[in-house]
Amino acid sequence: MRTYNFPFTRAHVDQHQELAEMLKIIRFRDLSIAAYVNALDNFIDIFAEHILSYDLEYAKFICS
């Protein structure tokens, strides 16, 4: 991103850090199996949205 001077690099990196923190929280919490599955399901939804919006925006930027 820095190589291509993507204008939203900092925000994108921050989002990746937030996603990593979410996984750490899920991993180290004492959850029931159902709560764990629900937390992972929610994470996957957020991660998929990130890919379909922020990562796609970056891909379009590079290809333009």
Protein backbone atom coordinates (compact mmCIF):
# COMPACT_ATOMS: atom_id res chain seq x y z
CA MET A 1 0.00 0.00 0.00
CA ARG A 2 2.80 2.37 0.82
CA THR A 3 4.59 1.42 -2.40
CA TYR A 4 1.53 2.51 -4.40
CA ASN A 5 0.80 5.54 -2.19
CA PHE A 6 -2.66 4.27 -1.34
CA PRO A 7 -4.31 7.22 0.43
CA PHE A 8 -6.10 5.08 3.02
CA THR A 9 -3.15 2.94 4.08
CA ARG A 10 -3.23 3.98 7.75
CA ALA A 11 -6.96 3.27 8.09
CA HIS A 12 -6.54 -0.07 6.35
CA VAL A 13 -3.68 -1.12 8.60
CA ASP A 14 -5.71 -0.01 11.63
CA GLN A 15 -8.57 -2.22 10.50
CA HIS A 16 -6.26 -5.21 10.19
CA GLN A 17 -5.06 -4.56 13.73
CA GLU A 18 -8.67 -4.39 14.95
CA LEU A 19 -9.44 -7.70 13.24
CA ALA A 20 -6.40 -9.30 14.89
CA GLU A 21 -7.50 -7.96 18.29
CA MET A 22 -10.98 -9.39 17.76
CA LEU A 23 -9.47 -12.81 17.17
CA LYS A 24 -7.31 -12.54 20.29
CA ILE A 25 -10.35 -11.68 22.37
CA ILE A 26 -12.32 -14.60 20.95
CA ARG A 27 -9.39 -16.97 21.43
CA PHE A 28 -8.70 -16.17 25.06
CA ARG A 29 -12.23 -15.73 26.41
CA ASP A 30 -13.79 -18.53 28.36
CA LEU A 31 -16.81 -19.22 26.13
CA SER A 32 -19.23 -22.04 25.73
CA ILE A 33 -19.04 -23.87 22.41
CA ALA A 34 -22.18 -22.10 21.19
CA ALA A 35 -20.85 -18.67 22.19
CA TYR A 36 -17.49 -19.45 20.59
CA VAL A 37 -19.14 -20.48 17.32
CA ASN A 38 -21.31 -17.36 17.41
CA ALA A 39 -18.29 -15.12 18.03
CA LEU A 40 -16.39 -16.72 15.15
CA ASP A 41 -19.43 -16.41 12.91
CA ASN A 42 -19.64 -12.69 13.70
CA PHE A 43 -15.92 -12.30 13.06
CA ILE A 44 -16.21 -14.02 9.69
CA ASP A 45 -19.03 -11.65 8.71
CA ILE A 46 -16.91 -8.62 9.64
CA PHE A 47 -13.84 -10.05 7.90
CA ALA A 48 -15.81 -10.81 4.73
CA GLU A 49 -17.18 -7.25 4.73
CA HIS A 50 -13.63 -5.95 5.07
CA ILE A 51 -12.49 -7.99 2.08
CA LEU A 52 -15.47 -7.01 -0.05
CA SER A 53 -15.14 -3.33 0.69
CA TYR A 54 -11.71 -2.18 1.89
CA ASP A 55 -9.58 -4.79 0.14
CA LEU A 56 -11.58 -4.41 -3.06
CA GLU A 57 -11.12 -0.63 -2.86
CA TYR A 58 -7.38 -1.14 -2.65
CA ALA A 59 -7.42 -3.58 -5.59
CA LYS A 60 -9.33 -1.07 -7.71
CA PHE A 61 -6.84 1.64 -6.75
CA ILE A 62 -3.89 -0.47 -7.89
CA CYS A 63 -5.57 -1.49 -11.14
CA SER A 64 -6.59 2.02 -12.14
